[in-house]
């Protein structure tokens, strides 16, 4: 896909719009149009009309369904991934047009048969009289926002400054040395050049580019930069020297245009803030789900909403003859670590079970089910026998030595497992908990699938109890990255979830056996002591567990042991500071649901989540708010559009990442609220699936409080409608 593709296309059109022509040159032009969405859609068609004939039209965000009136009119239809659109947003389409000769184009766009019932209504297209469609019903104080302006940047082609310069022509050898020059504009990170010669060319040799393809007649050639030859600073000039063999009597005339593959001008406008809160929780939830979609490994579904991601890791498990495709890449790298993945799945599901109303109200319920099923399906593949579980795919050392797209991985990706002879009670029980949570989510929605999850949950639980041991003692490849400190918390955690799916008190008794008293150090993929305390109190109502929860939050709240940054973040550790604060905010909201100090705990939880969302004037959630991280430590997001290679030097470059990694929570600030937005800074600026899990759950918890009218802002009378 080329850089003029728009991420999430979201529409309801009701007027004729002019097409914006963003560039034009001999034999072509590019442009863009944006249409406001004011009702929910499940399919759309658009009628594009030009004042002159267009030979071909290249569009990434839609299908060209029909061409009419001597190629001056085009009917565009949604693709599968962008058929479902929500109100309050905007559809932006970018296109590249090829023409015969140099024309000065204009164009208009009409809506056509936008369907809110999922029916295919495209057909019999004639321009229609614009009509007004009412928008959604909004709560008092909320006005329909002005749709954000689509900022194209340099998404499209940069035309050549003129015919190429011929340095040498050797007619007797039918060979020419020539050069095209292109302005680099605001800078280039990867490029593709399309060349059209007046006569046939049989071969091309280039120092800085590789030939990607050419037409059968040898007149049209496409080349792409070589590794480390695609980076140009703002204001510089791309000089593409080449040698070519031709068939005529002299060097043929030619023209070319360059496509900057290092620009992604897609915009994902915010959802309406119908909750009337300081921060738009609906938008946080939606974007966090998108982050998990960006982390997907395996063959992507037809409804993939991240156009810069493709199929990857399709040979995972081949070294052990097991299909281990799927799951999530862990962080800014491409290893699949089963332990934190299982934790993240369980926490996300825990939040969905508790605050399903928030997901439904935000319009994200179906997407959330789709999101959480992705790792569950992977775990079903990884649990190959009752006492065998694959817990990692990829060697972290080799993986971390590669800076590029997961789609381009060539290194060996070994699979690692635990079994009866090499136990891993911690990872087995964490995965059992993920299966158990999945069962609770699907028992009414898909009973057959739920039954399968329950069976695997039970088998892994029994396996972990029968063969005790830390998994990193068995799988040394994980020890330097996700080393387990102990297995006590996981044994308690999985017992609590087995109790919930069976109602068998033996599991509750087992959970109480593994109870850890005293204040919890924090919550993470390696430590579920705090949520264990909450669940034990919820199920037993025993004072000992309530006391443990209260001791934990005395330890964590102001005046306790945990230190606070000057601007109010509960600061546990330098590496992933926001992870610990948002994780404990999640636990505080769960404790409040269990009846423990609800107003106090909810207010504190809100303060920590709001810190991440922008209370310091900076949002630590990528793509949320006005100021947010632009250079996360994330390989795929930093890479240019294919087919341009991704340079290993990208990690050191100061330019923002090519793609916006919507919804990802970065590690966070240091103890003095200082934060360095550089790609090399994996301590504070990496993202991870476990960072977002409880953070997303806490955002859903706060949204649920709004629905029940018990949100701290409502109780304080400060709730207001900000976008």
Foldseek 3Di string as FASTA:
>chain_A
DAQQAAFAFAADAFDKFKWAWPAFDWFWTKTKDKGAHFAWFQWWKKKKFKPDAFDDKDWDAWDFPDADDNRRMTMTIGFNQHRTHHHLEMGMIMMMTGHHTGDDMIMMMATDPGHRPNDDPDDPDDHDDGDDDHHDDFDPFFDRDDYDDQDQQQGWKFWWPFKWAWPDKDLVQQKTKTKTKGAQAQWAFWKKKKKFWPAAWDDKDWDFWDWDDADPRRGITMIIGDFPSTTDHHGDMDITIMMIHGDDRIGTIMTMIMGRLLARRHADTADFQRLLFPFRLLRLLVLQLLLLLVFKEAADDSNRSGVLDGHFPQCWPVVVPFGQTFDGQFWLWRKQALLQSLLLLLLLLVLCVVQVVLCVVSVNNVSSLVSSVGRVVNQLRQCPDLFKGWGIWAQVVVGVVDFFHRRPDDDHIDIHMAGQVQHALQSLLSNLSSLLSVLVVCCPVPVVSSVSSNVSSVSSLVNSVVRPDHNCVRVVSCCVPDGAPHRLQSLLSSLLSNCVNPVDCVSLVSNVVSQDAAADLFDFSRDPNLLSLLSNCLVPVDVRSLVRNVRNVQQQDPPHVFDAAPLGARARDQFLRLLRRLRVLLSLLSSLVSPRPNLVSLVSSVSSLVVCQAPVNAHQFWSHDDHYAQAALHRSQQAGRPPHTRHPCSQVDPDGRNHTSGSFGFSADDSHRDDDRGNVPNRGRMTGSRSVSSSSSSSSSQSSCSVVQNRNCSVVVNRRGDD
